[in-house]
Amino acid sequence: NNDVLLLFGSGIKTVDMKIFNRWGEKVFDSNNQWTGWDGTYKGQQQPLGTYVWILQARKVGGTATQMKGTVILVR
């Protein structure tokens, strides 16, 4: 049931989430907390493997957060 990678949290004012494939090509970009990545790029399913995500967010109080990590795409 983990069909979409989403950002969960409360008190988030702005968000910028990007996902890159192993060649550094950006396959996902969203400024909406409730829009997640479903493993596709330009309507095409992406290959199984490891992808890098980068997140920049600002909370309602003004605190900025930057995080990065990896996600493994499986079907």
PDB file of N, CA and C in Angstrom:
ATOM      1  N   ASN A   1       0.794  -1.197   0.000  1.00  0.00           N
ATOM      2  CA  ASN A   1       0.000   0.000   0.000  1.00  0.00           C
ATOM      3  C   ASN A   1       0.837   1.263   0.000  1.00  0.00           C
ATOM      4  N   ASN A   2       2.128   1.156  -0.073  1.00  0.00           N
ATOM      5  CA  ASN A   2       3.001   2.331  -0.114  1.00  0.00           C
ATOM      6  C   ASN A   2       3.217   2.737  -1.570  1.00  0.00           C
ATOM      7  N   ASP A   3       2.132   3.143  -2.221  1.00  0.00           N
ATOM      8  CA  ASP A   3       2.190   3.440  -3.649  1.00  0.00           C
ATOM      9  C   ASP A   3       2.704   4.835  -3.971  1.00  0.00           C
ATOM     10  N   VAL A   4       2.724   5.735  -2.971  1.00  0.00           N
ATOM     11  CA  VAL A   4       3.142   7.117  -3.200  1.00  0.00           C
ATOM     12  C   VAL A   4       4.039   7.553  -2.046  1.00  0.00           C
ATOM     13  N   LEU A   5       5.155   8.205  -2.385  1.00  0.00           N
ATOM     14  CA  LEU A   5       6.050   8.767  -1.373  1.00  0.00           C
ATOM     15  C   LEU A   5       5.571  10.173  -1.046  1.00  0.00           C
ATOM     16  N   LEU A   6       5.148  10.374   0.204  1.00  0.00           N
ATOM     17  CA  LEU A   6       4.588  11.652   0.649  1.00  0.00           C
ATOM     18  C   LEU A   6       5.342  12.180   1.857  1.00  0.00           C
ATOM     19  N   LEU A   7       5.268  13.473   2.059  1.00  0.00           N
ATOM     20  CA  LEU A   7       5.792  14.135   3.251  1.00  0.00           C
ATOM     21  C   LEU A   7       4.666  14.242   4.265  1.00  0.00           C
ATOM     22  N   PHE A   8       4.882  13.689   5.452  1.00  0.00           N
ATOM     23  CA  PHE A   8       3.893  13.785   6.520  1.00  0.00           C
ATOM     24  C   PHE A   8       4.415  14.705   7.604  1.00  0.00           C
ATOM     25  N   GLY A   9       3.539  15.512   8.158  1.00  0.00           N
ATOM     26  CA  GLY A   9       3.898  16.408   9.245  1.00  0.00           C
ATOM     27  C   GLY A   9       2.873  17.514   9.371  1.00  0.00           C
ATOM     28  N   SER A  10       2.894  18.152  10.503  1.00  0.00           N
ATOM     29  CA  SER A  10       1.955  19.252  10.720  1.00  0.00           C
ATOM     30  C   SER A  10       2.737  20.549  10.901  1.00  0.00           C
ATOM     31  N   GLY A  11       2.063  21.662  10.691  1.00  0.00           N
ATOM     32  CA  GLY A  11       2.684  22.966  10.864  1.00  0.00           C
ATOM     33  C   GLY A  11       3.665  23.331   9.773  1.00  0.00           C
ATOM     34  N   ILE A  12       3.544  22.695   8.614  1.00  0.00           N
ATOM     35  CA  ILE A  12       4.445  22.962   7.492  1.00  0.00           C
ATOM     36  C   ILE A  12       3.841  24.065   6.630  1.00  0.00           C
ATOM     37  N   LYS A  13       4.605  25.124   6.431  1.00  0.00           N
ATOM     38  CA  LYS A  13       4.120  26.260   5.637  1.00  0.00           C
ATOM     39  C   LYS A  13       4.488  26.102   4.169  1.00  0.00           C
ATOM     40  N   THR A  14       5.762  25.814   3.891  1.00  0.00           N
ATOM     41  CA  THR A  14       6.205  25.631   2.508  1.00  0.00           C
ATOM     42  C   THR A  14       7.061  24.377   2.427  1.00  0.00           C
ATOM     43  N   VAL A  15       7.077  23.777   1.248  1.00  0.00           N
ATOM     44  CA  VAL A  15       7.856  22.567   1.032  1.00  0.00           C
ATOM     45  C   VAL A  15       8.391  22.560  -0.399  1.00  0.00           C
ATOM     46  N   ASP A  16       9.577  22.018  -0.566  1.00  0.00           N
ATOM     47  CA  ASP A  16      10.167  21.805  -1.885  1.00  0.00           C
ATOM     48  C   ASP A  16      10.829  20.433  -1.847  1.00  0.00           C
ATOM     49  N   MET A  17      10.212  19.466  -2.523  1.00  0.00           N
ATOM     50  CA  MET A  17      10.722  18.095  -2.517  1.00  0.00           C
ATOM     51  C   MET A  17      11.127  17.708  -3.925  1.00  0.00           C
ATOM     52  N   LYS A  18      12.336  17.161  -4.042  1.00  0.00           N
ATOM     53  CA  LYS A  18      12.858  16.735  -5.335  1.00  0.00           C
ATOM     54  C   LYS A  18      13.366  15.298  -5.204  1.00  0.00           C
ATOM     55  N   ILE A  19      13.218  14.531  -6.289  1.00  0.00           N
ATOM     56  CA  ILE A  19      13.732  13.163  -6.330  1.00  0.00           C
ATOM     57  C   ILE A  19      14.553  13.013  -7.602  1.00  0.00           C
ATOM     58  N   PHE A  20      15.710  12.373  -7.448  1.00  0.00           N
ATOM     59  CA  PHE A  20      16.658  12.201  -8.554  1.00  0.00           C
ATOM     60  C   PHE A  20      16.963  10.721  -8.760  1.00  0.00           C
ATOM     61  N   ASN A  21      17.172  10.333 -10.028  1.00  0.00           N
ATOM     62  CA  ASN A  21      17.577   8.961 -10.306  1.00  0.00           C
ATOM     63  C   ASN A  21      19.091   8.821 -10.131  1.00  0.00           C
ATOM     64  N   ARG A  22      19.619   7.649 -10.402  1.00  0.00           N
ATOM     65  CA  ARG A  22      21.051   7.404 -10.137  1.00  0.00           C
ATOM     66  C   ARG A  22      21.978   8.178 -11.068  1.00  0.00           C
ATOM     67  N   TRP A  23      21.443   8.749 -12.131  1.00  0.00           N
ATOM     68  CA  TRP A  23      22.250   9.565 -13.043  1.00  0.00           C
ATOM     69  C   TRP A  23      22.126  11.051 -12.733  1.00  0.00           C
ATOM     70  N   GLY A  24      21.395  11.389 -11.669  1.00  0.00           N
ATOM     71  CA  GLY A  24      21.240  12.780 -11.273  1.00  0.00           C
ATOM     72  C   GLY A  24      20.124  13.514 -11.993  1.00  0.00           C
ATOM     73  N   GLU A  25      19.332  12.792 -12.776  1.00  0.00           N
ATOM     74  CA  GLU A  25      18.208  13.413 -13.477  1.00  0.00           C
ATOM     75  C   GLU A  25      17.035  13.573 -12.511  1.00  0.00           C
ATOM     76  N   LYS A  26      16.454  14.760 -12.474  1.00  0.00           N
ATOM     77  CA  LYS A  26      15.314  15.015 -11.601  1.00  0.00           C
ATOM     78  C   LYS A  26      14.086  14.339 -12.181  1.00  0.00           C
ATOM     79  N   VAL A  27      13.490  13.415 -11.403  1.00  0.00           N
ATOM     80  CA  VAL A  27      12.320  12.681 -11.867  1.00  0.00           C
ATOM     81  C   VAL A  27      11.042  13.116 -11.153  1.00  0.00           C
ATOM     82  N   PHE A  28      11.183  13.983 -10.124  1.00  0.00           N
ATOM     83  CA  PHE A  28      10.015  14.469  -9.403  1.00  0.00           C
ATOM     84  C   PHE A  28      10.365  15.782  -8.729  1.00  0.00           C
ATOM     85  N   ASP A  29       9.398  16.698  -8.732  1.00  0.00           N
ATOM     86  CA  ASP A  29       9.573  18.006  -8.089  1.00  0.00           C
ATOM     87  C   ASP A  29       8.195  18.484  -7.655  1.00  0.00           C
ATOM     88  N   SER A  30       8.042  18.833  -6.381  1.00  0.00           N
ATOM     89  CA  SER A  30       6.748  19.302  -5.901  1.00  0.00           C
ATOM     90  C   SER A  30       6.920  20.359  -4.826  1.00  0.00           C
ATOM     91  N   ASN A  31       6.046  21.342  -4.851  1.00  0.00           N
ATOM     92  CA  ASN A  31       5.964  22.362  -3.811  1.00  0.00           C
ATOM     93  C   ASN A  31       4.688  22.192  -2.986  1.00  0.00           C
ATOM     94  N   ASN A  32       4.055  21.032  -3.106  1.00  0.00           N
ATOM     95  CA  ASN A  32       2.814  20.742  -2.416  1.00  0.00           C
ATOM     96  C   ASN A  32       3.031  19.549  -1.498  1.00  0.00           C
ATOM     97  N   GLN A  33       2.804  19.724  -0.209  1.00  0.00           N
ATOM     98  CA  GLN A  33       3.011  18.657   0.768  1.00  0.00           C
ATOM     99  C   GLN A  33       2.168  17.421   0.438  1.00  0.00           C
ATOM    100  N   TRP A  34       1.034  17.595  -0.160  1.00  0.00           N
ATOM    101  CA  TRP A  34       0.108  16.490  -0.401  1.00  0.00           C
ATOM    102  C   TRP A  34       0.220  15.892  -1.797  1.00  0.00           C
ATOM    103  N   THR A  35       1.216  16.313  -2.566  1.00  0.00           N
ATOM    104  CA  THR A  35       1.487  15.713  -3.869  1.00  0.00           C
ATOM    105  C   THR A  35       2.747  14.876  -3.728  1.00  0.00           C
ATOM    106  N   GLY A  36       2.608  13.565  -3.908  1.00  0.00           N
ATOM    107  CA  GLY A  36       3.745  12.671  -3.721  1.00  0.00           C
ATOM    108  C   GLY A  36       4.181  12.014  -5.011  1.00  0.00           C
ATOM    109  N   TRP A  37       5.291  11.301  -4.933  1.00  0.00           N
ATOM    110  CA  TRP A  37       5.858  10.617  -6.089  1.00  0.00           C
ATOM    111  C   TRP A  37       5.318   9.203  -6.175  1.00  0.00           C
ATOM    112  N   ASP A  38       4.821   8.830  -7.336  1.00  0.00           N
ATOM    113  CA  ASP A  38       4.253   7.499  -7.534  1.00  0.00           C
ATOM    114  C   ASP A  38       5.166   6.564  -8.316  1.00  0.00           C
ATOM    115  N   GLY A  39       6.438   6.930  -8.460  1.00  0.00           N
ATOM    116  CA  GLY A  39       7.399   6.076  -9.158  1.00  0.00           C
ATOM    117  C   GLY A  39       7.402   6.255 -10.659  1.00  0.00           C
ATOM    118  N   THR A  40       6.792   7.345 -11.132  1.00  0.00           N
ATOM    119  CA  THR A  40       6.776   7.594 -12.569  1.00  0.00           C
ATOM    120  C   THR A  40       7.481   8.916 -12.888  1.00  0.00           C
ATOM    121  N   TYR A  41       7.856   9.052 -14.160  1.00  0.00           N
ATOM    122  CA  TYR A  41       8.432  10.294 -14.668  1.00  0.00           C
ATOM    123  C   TYR A  41       7.926  10.462 -16.085  1.00  0.00           C
ATOM    124  N   LYS A  42       7.291  11.586 -16.354  1.00  0.00           N
ATOM    125  CA  LYS A  42       6.686  11.873 -17.664  1.00  0.00           C
ATOM    126  C   LYS A  42       5.746  10.746 -18.080  1.00  0.00           C
ATOM    127  N   GLY A  43       4.991  10.222 -17.099  1.00  0.00           N
ATOM    128  CA  GLY A  43       4.014   9.189 -17.373  1.00  0.00           C
ATOM    129  C   GLY A  43       4.562   7.781 -17.520  1.00  0.00           C
ATOM    130  N   GLN A  44       5.868   7.618 -17.394  1.00  0.00           N
ATOM    131  CA  GLN A  44       6.487   6.307 -17.553  1.00  0.00           C
ATOM    132  C   GLN A  44       6.974   5.770 -16.204  1.00  0.00           C
ATOM    133  N   GLN A  45       6.696   4.480 -15.940  1.00  0.00           N
ATOM    134  CA  GLN A  45       7.212   3.878 -14.722  1.00  0.00           C
ATOM    135  C   GLN A  45       8.723   3.875 -14.762  1.00  0.00           C
ATOM    136  N   GLN A  46       9.324   4.241 -13.655  1.00  0.00           N
ATOM    137  CA  GLN A  46      10.776   4.298 -13.566  1.00  0.00           C
ATOM    138  C   GLN A  46      11.340   2.940 -13.159  1.00  0.00           C
ATOM    139  N   PRO A  47      12.604   2.687 -13.517  1.00  0.00           N
ATOM    140  CA  PRO A  47      13.206   1.399 -13.187  1.00  0.00           C
ATOM    141  C   PRO A  47      13.315   1.202 -11.675  1.00  0.00           C
ATOM    142  N   LEU A  48      13.246  -0.045 -11.268  1.00  0.00           N
ATOM    143  CA  LEU A  48      13.460  -0.375  -9.868  1.00  0.00           C
ATOM    144  C   LEU A  48      14.858   0.069  -9.473  1.00  0.00           C
ATOM    145  N   GLY A  49      15.016   0.501  -8.241  1.00  0.00           N
ATOM    146  CA  GLY A  49      16.326   0.917  -7.782  1.00  0.00           C
ATOM    147  C   GLY A  49      16.258   1.980  -6.713  1.00  0.00           C
ATOM    148  N   THR A  50      17.407   2.568  -6.449  1.00  0.00           N
ATOM    149  CA  THR A  50      17.548   3.568  -5.400  1.00  0.00           C
ATOM    150  C   THR A  50      17.488   4.964  -6.001  1.00  0.00           C
ATOM    151  N   TYR A  51      16.713   5.831  -5.360  1.00  0.00           N
ATOM    152  CA  TYR A  51      16.545   7.212  -5.777  1.00  0.00           C
ATOM    153  C   TYR A  51      16.884   8.124  -4.596  1.00  0.00           C
ATOM    154  N   VAL A  52      17.417   9.296  -4.889  1.00  0.00           N
ATOM    155  CA  VAL A  52      17.788  10.266  -3.857  1.00  0.00           C
ATOM    156  C   VAL A  52      16.691  11.318  -3.747  1.00  0.00           C
ATOM    157  N   TRP A  53      16.292  11.627  -2.514  1.00  0.00           N
ATOM    158  CA  TRP A  53      15.317  12.695  -2.301  1.00  0.00           C
ATOM    159  C   TRP A  53      15.964  13.825  -1.501  1.00  0.00           C
ATOM    160  N   ILE A  54      15.554  15.045  -1.819  1.00  0.00           N
ATOM    161  CA  ILE A  54      16.020  16.246  -1.120  1.00  0.00           C
ATOM    162  C   ILE A  54      14.781  17.050  -0.745  1.00  0.00           C
ATOM    163  N   LEU A  55      14.719  17.440   0.506  1.00  0.00           N
ATOM    164  CA  LEU A  55      13.556  18.152   1.015  1.00  0.00           C
ATOM    165  C   LEU A  55      13.989  19.438   1.696  1.00  0.00           C
ATOM    166  N   GLN A  56      13.343  20.528   1.337  1.00  0.00           N
ATOM    167  CA  GLN A  56      13.495  21.802   2.033  1.00  0.00           C
ATOM    168  C   GLN A  56      12.103  22.221   2.460  1.00  0.00           C
ATOM    169  N   ALA A  57      11.953  22.515   3.752  1.00  0.00           N
ATOM    170  CA  ALA A  57      10.637  22.896   4.268  1.00  0.00           C
ATOM    171  C   ALA A  57      10.793  24.041   5.257  1.00  0.00           C
ATOM    172  N   ARG A  58       9.715  24.782   5.401  1.00  0.00           N
ATOM    173  CA  ARG A  58       9.652  25.865   6.388  1.00  0.00           C
ATOM    174  C   ARG A  58       8.386  25.673   7.193  1.00  0.00           C
ATOM    175  N   LYS A  59       8.545  25.706   8.511  1.00  0.00           N
ATOM    176  CA  LYS A  59       7.402  25.541   9.397  1.00  0.00           C
ATOM    177  C   LYS A  59       6.669  26.868   9.556  1.00  0.00           C
ATOM    178  N   VAL A  60       5.465  26.795  10.092  1.00  0.00           N
ATOM    179  CA  VAL A  60       4.637  27.983  10.280  1.00  0.00           C
ATOM    180  C   VAL A  60       5.370  29.035  11.102  1.00  0.00           C
ATOM    181  N   GLY A  61       6.140  28.626  12.093  1.00  0.00           N
ATOM    182  CA  GLY A  61       6.891  29.561  12.936  1.00  0.00           C
ATOM    183  C   GLY A  61       8.123  30.146  12.276  1.00  0.00           C
ATOM    184  N   GLY A  62       8.458  29.685  11.063  1.00  0.00           N
ATOM    185  CA  GLY A  62       9.590  30.231  10.330  1.00  0.00           C
ATOM    186  C   GLY A  62      10.844  29.371  10.338  1.00  0.00           C
ATOM    187  N   THR A  63      10.861  28.290  11.117  1.00  0.00           N
ATOM    188  CA  THR A  63      12.023  27.414  11.185  1.00  0.00           C
ATOM    189  C   THR A  63      12.201  26.663   9.869  1.00  0.00           C
ATOM    190  N   ALA A  64      13.404  26.724   9.316  1.00  0.00           N
ATOM    191  CA  ALA A  64      13.696  26.030   8.066  1.00  0.00           C
ATOM    192  C   ALA A  64      14.335  24.682   8.359  1.00  0.00           C
ATOM    193  N   THR A  65      14.002  23.695   7.525  1.00  0.00           N
ATOM    194  CA  THR A  65      14.541  22.348   7.656  1.00  0.00           C
ATOM    195  C   THR A  65      14.999  21.863   6.299  1.00  0.00           C
ATOM    196  N   GLN A  66      16.169  21.237   6.260  1.00  0.00           N
ATOM    197  CA  GLN A  66      16.667  20.609   5.041  1.00  0.00           C
ATOM    198  C   GLN A  66      17.035  19.170   5.382  1.00  0.00           C
ATOM    199  N   MET A  67      16.574  18.250   4.546  1.00  0.00           N
ATOM    200  CA  MET A  67      16.847  16.839   4.759  1.00  0.00           C
ATOM    201  C   MET A  67      17.118  16.189   3.411  1.00  0.00           C
ATOM    202  N   LYS A  68      17.826  15.059   3.447  1.00  0.00           N
ATOM    203  CA  LYS A  68      18.020  14.279   2.231  1.00  0.00           C
ATOM    204  C   LYS A  68      18.166  12.818   2.617  1.00  0.00           C
ATOM    205  N   GLY A  69      17.901  11.954   1.660  1.00  0.00           N
ATOM    206  CA  GLY A  69      17.992  10.529   1.912  1.00  0.00           C
ATOM    207  C   GLY A  69      17.764   9.758   0.640  1.00  0.00           C
ATOM    208  N   THR A  70      17.541   8.467   0.783  1.00  0.00           N
ATOM    209  CA  THR A  70      17.290   7.617  -0.358  1.00  0.00           C
ATOM    210  C   THR A  70      15.992   6.839  -0.146  1.00  0.00           C
ATOM    211  N   VAL A  71      15.412   6.437  -1.250  1.00  0.00           N
ATOM    212  CA  VAL A  71      14.231   5.585  -1.243  1.00  0.00           C
ATOM    213  C   VAL A  71      14.460   4.519  -2.305  1.00  0.00           C
ATOM    214  N   ILE A  72      14.042   3.304  -1.993  1.00  0.00           N
ATOM    215  CA  ILE A  72      14.186   2.200  -2.949  1.00  0.00           C
ATOM    216  C   ILE A  72      12.828   1.951  -3.594  1.00  0.00           C
ATOM    217  N   LEU A  73      12.799   2.032  -4.913  1.00  0.00           N
ATOM    218  CA  LEU A  73      11.575   1.804  -5.673  1.00  0.00           C
ATOM    219  C   LEU A  73      11.456   0.330  -5.979  1.00  0.00           C
ATOM    220  N   VAL A  74      10.368  -0.297  -5.508  1.00  0.00           N
ATOM    221  CA  VAL A  74      10.061  -1.691  -5.785  1.00  0.00           C
ATOM    222  C   VAL A  74       8.605  -1.775  -6.236  1.00  0.00           C
ATOM    223  N   ARG A  75       8.271  -2.834  -6.917  1.00  0.00           N
ATOM    224  CA  ARG A  75       6.872  -3.048  -7.346  1.00  0.00           C
ATOM    225  C   ARG A  75       6.445  -4.429  -6.965  1.00  0.00           C
TER     226      ARG A  75
END
